[in-house]
Structure formats: structure tokens, C-alpha cells
Amino acid sequence: MVIVIGMAFVTMVPRLIPVFIVDKIQFPNWLNGWLDVIPYAALGALIFPGVLTVIPEKPWIGFIGSLFAVLFAVFRANIIFIVLGASIAVFLLTLY
């Protein structure tokens, strides 16, 4: 039980420290710009491997489906249309 409480404390402290410190620190503009793109980079790193394994023997289908999603997103389509457009593209590509 002591080990579990110790592990919880050790994990909690590094997560709580930034909550109390970040608003007091003034970062340079270049660092703020870099920190702003981290969520997008992490999301891309999590999604991209799955895109290539939609159909393992045909990875190009997932890649083309993701290109459709990017295309819809560039034109600022609603998220529902982005998901539907990419899904329909993948479905149509699997028919051929």
C-alpha cells in the first residue's frame, strides 16, 4: 500500500507543479509558438500509424483517405463532413 501511495505522489507532483508555475512565467514568443504546435504534433504521431494500417495489405488506401480528410479540413468543413468524406473515400477505394 505504501508503494502505491508513493507512486501516486511521484506521478502527481510533476503534473501539479506546472499548474502553479506556468501562469507566473513569461515565455518568449518563439517558445510559445513552439508549445502551441505540440498537441497537433502529438495527435499526428498517434493517428498516422493507424492510418497506414487500416487495411494492412493496402496501406495506400488509408493514406488517400487521410488526404481526403486533410483536403476537407483545409476548406474548413465541419468535422462531421471531414470524417464522412474520409470514410466514404476509404470505402470506395476498398471496392476496387
C-alpha atoms as a PDB file:
ATOM      1  CA  MET A   1       0.000   0.000   0.000  1.00  0.00           C
ATOM      2  CA  VAL A   2       2.852   2.369   0.803  1.00  0.00           C
ATOM      3  CA  ILE A   3       4.368   1.702  -2.629  1.00  0.00           C
ATOM      4  CA  VAL A   4       1.102   2.601  -4.372  1.00  0.00           C
ATOM      5  CA  ILE A   5       0.776   5.852  -2.418  1.00  0.00           C
ATOM      6  CA  GLY A   6       4.424   6.670  -3.143  1.00  0.00           C
ATOM      7  CA  MET A   7       3.958   6.017  -6.850  1.00  0.00           C
ATOM      8  CA  ALA A   8       0.825   8.185  -6.885  1.00  0.00           C
ATOM      9  CA  PHE A   9       2.711  11.022  -5.182  1.00  0.00           C
ATOM     10  CA  VAL A  10       5.686  10.750  -7.530  1.00  0.00           C
ATOM     11  CA  THR A  11       3.376  10.928 -10.568  1.00  0.00           C
ATOM     12  CA  MET A  12       1.172  13.670  -9.164  1.00  0.00           C
ATOM     13  CA  VAL A  13       3.915  16.151  -8.216  1.00  0.00           C
ATOM     14  CA  PRO A  14       5.325  16.714 -11.743  1.00  0.00           C
ATOM     15  CA  ARG A  15       1.782  17.222 -13.038  1.00  0.00           C
ATOM     16  CA  LEU A  16       0.785  19.716 -10.361  1.00  0.00           C
ATOM     17  CA  ILE A  17       3.930  21.862 -10.389  1.00  0.00           C
ATOM     18  CA  PRO A  18       3.223  23.376 -13.846  1.00  0.00           C
ATOM     19  CA  VAL A  19      -0.317  24.284 -12.782  1.00  0.00           C
ATOM     20  CA  PHE A  20       1.036  26.686 -10.172  1.00  0.00           C
ATOM     21  CA  ILE A  21       4.119  27.903 -12.053  1.00  0.00           C
ATOM     22  CA  VAL A  22       3.128  28.364 -15.712  1.00  0.00           C
ATOM     23  CA  ASP A  23       0.956  31.448 -15.222  1.00  0.00           C
ATOM     24  CA  LYS A  24       3.806  33.221 -13.396  1.00  0.00           C
ATOM     25  CA  ILE A  25       6.439  32.589 -16.101  1.00  0.00           C
ATOM     26  CA  GLN A  26       6.627  34.750 -19.231  1.00  0.00           C
ATOM     27  CA  PHE A  27       7.891  32.686 -22.171  1.00  0.00           C
ATOM     28  CA  PRO A  28       9.441  34.215 -25.306  1.00  0.00           C
ATOM     29  CA  ASN A  29       7.219  34.356 -28.380  1.00  0.00           C
ATOM     30  CA  TRP A  30       9.228  31.704 -30.255  1.00  0.00           C
ATOM     31  CA  LEU A  31       8.777  29.271 -27.369  1.00  0.00           C
ATOM     32  CA  ASN A  32       5.039  29.972 -27.141  1.00  0.00           C
ATOM     33  CA  GLY A  33       4.741  29.279 -30.870  1.00  0.00           C
ATOM     34  CA  TRP A  34       6.595  26.001 -30.445  1.00  0.00           C
ATOM     35  CA  LEU A  35       4.485  24.970 -27.442  1.00  0.00           C
ATOM     36  CA  ASP A  36       1.281  25.733 -29.360  1.00  0.00           C
ATOM     37  CA  VAL A  37       2.034  23.089 -32.017  1.00  0.00           C
ATOM     38  CA  ILE A  38       2.856  20.241 -29.621  1.00  0.00           C
ATOM     39  CA  PRO A  39      -0.768  18.984 -29.367  1.00  0.00           C
ATOM     40  CA  TYR A  40      -1.033  18.814 -33.173  1.00  0.00           C
ATOM     41  CA  ALA A  41       2.292  17.016 -33.482  1.00  0.00           C
ATOM     42  CA  ALA A  42       1.312  14.514 -30.796  1.00  0.00           C
ATOM     43  CA  LEU A  43      -2.065  13.940 -32.441  1.00  0.00           C
ATOM     44  CA  GLY A  44      -0.398  13.348 -35.791  1.00  0.00           C
ATOM     45  CA  ALA A  45       2.069  10.926 -34.250  1.00  0.00           C
ATOM     46  CA  LEU A  46      -0.776   8.974 -32.674  1.00  0.00           C
ATOM     47  CA  ILE A  47      -3.017   8.921 -35.748  1.00  0.00           C
ATOM     48  CA  PHE A  48      -0.596   8.391 -38.649  1.00  0.00           C
ATOM     49  CA  PRO A  49       0.477   4.802 -37.830  1.00  0.00           C
ATOM     50  CA  GLY A  50      -3.185   3.809 -37.620  1.00  0.00           C
ATOM     51  CA  VAL A  51      -3.870   5.421 -40.984  1.00  0.00           C
ATOM     52  CA  LEU A  52      -1.342   3.142 -42.661  1.00  0.00           C
ATOM     53  CA  THR A  53      -2.759   0.012 -41.035  1.00  0.00           C
ATOM     54  CA  VAL A  54      -6.452   0.474 -41.918  1.00  0.00           C
ATOM     55  CA  ILE A  55      -6.048  -2.312 -44.461  1.00  0.00           C
ATOM     56  CA  PRO A  56      -2.604  -3.827 -43.798  1.00  0.00           C
ATOM     57  CA  GLU A  57      -2.112  -5.241 -47.290  1.00  0.00           C
ATOM     58  CA  LYS A  58      -3.115  -1.900 -48.896  1.00  0.00           C
ATOM     59  CA  PRO A  59      -1.647   0.956 -46.827  1.00  0.00           C
ATOM     60  CA  TRP A  60      -2.180   3.438 -49.658  1.00  0.00           C
ATOM     61  CA  ILE A  61      -5.955   3.309 -49.063  1.00  0.00           C
ATOM     62  CA  GLY A  62      -5.618   4.748 -45.568  1.00  0.00           C
ATOM     63  CA  PHE A  63      -3.149   7.329 -46.812  1.00  0.00           C
ATOM     64  CA  ILE A  64      -5.535   8.520 -49.547  1.00  0.00           C
ATOM     65  CA  GLY A  65      -8.385   8.591 -47.010  1.00  0.00           C
ATOM     66  CA  SER A  66      -6.282  10.825 -44.771  1.00  0.00           C
ATOM     67  CA  LEU A  67      -5.553  13.098 -47.745  1.00  0.00           C
ATOM     68  CA  PHE A  68      -9.302  13.499 -48.238  1.00  0.00           C
ATOM     69  CA  ALA A  69      -9.646  14.417 -44.562  1.00  0.00           C
ATOM     70  CA  VAL A  70      -6.860  16.990 -44.872  1.00  0.00           C
ATOM     71  CA  LEU A  71      -8.457  18.405 -48.019  1.00  0.00           C
ATOM     72  CA  PHE A  72     -11.829  18.813 -46.300  1.00  0.00           C
ATOM     73  CA  ALA A  73     -10.100  20.358 -43.270  1.00  0.00           C
ATOM     74  CA  VAL A  74      -8.218  22.875 -45.425  1.00  0.00           C
ATOM     75  CA  PHE A  75     -11.567  24.092 -46.733  1.00  0.00           C
ATOM     76  CA  ARG A  76     -12.763  24.344 -43.115  1.00  0.00           C
ATOM     77  CA  ALA A  77     -15.525  21.785 -43.449  1.00  0.00           C
ATOM     78  CA  ASN A  78     -17.429  20.677 -40.374  1.00  0.00           C
ATOM     79  CA  ILE A  79     -15.788  17.743 -38.554  1.00  0.00           C
ATOM     80  CA  ILE A  80     -18.734  15.504 -39.462  1.00  0.00           C
ATOM     81  CA  PHE A  81     -18.100  16.112 -43.163  1.00  0.00           C
ATOM     82  CA  ILE A  82     -14.374  15.516 -42.712  1.00  0.00           C
ATOM     83  CA  VAL A  83     -14.963  12.133 -41.080  1.00  0.00           C
ATOM     84  CA  LEU A  84     -17.698  11.188 -43.555  1.00  0.00           C
ATOM     85  CA  GLY A  85     -15.634  12.272 -46.554  1.00  0.00           C
ATOM     86  CA  ALA A  86     -12.578  10.281 -45.456  1.00  0.00           C
ATOM     87  CA  SER A  87     -14.719   7.262 -44.577  1.00  0.00           C
ATOM     88  CA  ILE A  88     -16.509   7.313 -47.930  1.00  0.00           C
ATOM     89  CA  ALA A  89     -13.187   7.663 -49.749  1.00  0.00           C
ATOM     90  CA  VAL A  90     -11.765   4.638 -47.927  1.00  0.00           C
ATOM     91  CA  PHE A  91     -14.946   2.653 -48.538  1.00  0.00           C
ATOM     92  CA  LEU A  92     -14.933   3.419 -52.267  1.00  0.00           C
ATOM     93  CA  LEU A  93     -11.247   2.573 -52.549  1.00  0.00           C
ATOM     94  CA  THR A  94     -11.804  -0.810 -50.887  1.00  0.00           C
ATOM     95  CA  LEU A  95     -14.354  -1.677 -53.585  1.00  0.00           C
ATOM     96  CA  TYR A  96     -11.649  -1.560 -56.266  1.00  0.00           C
END
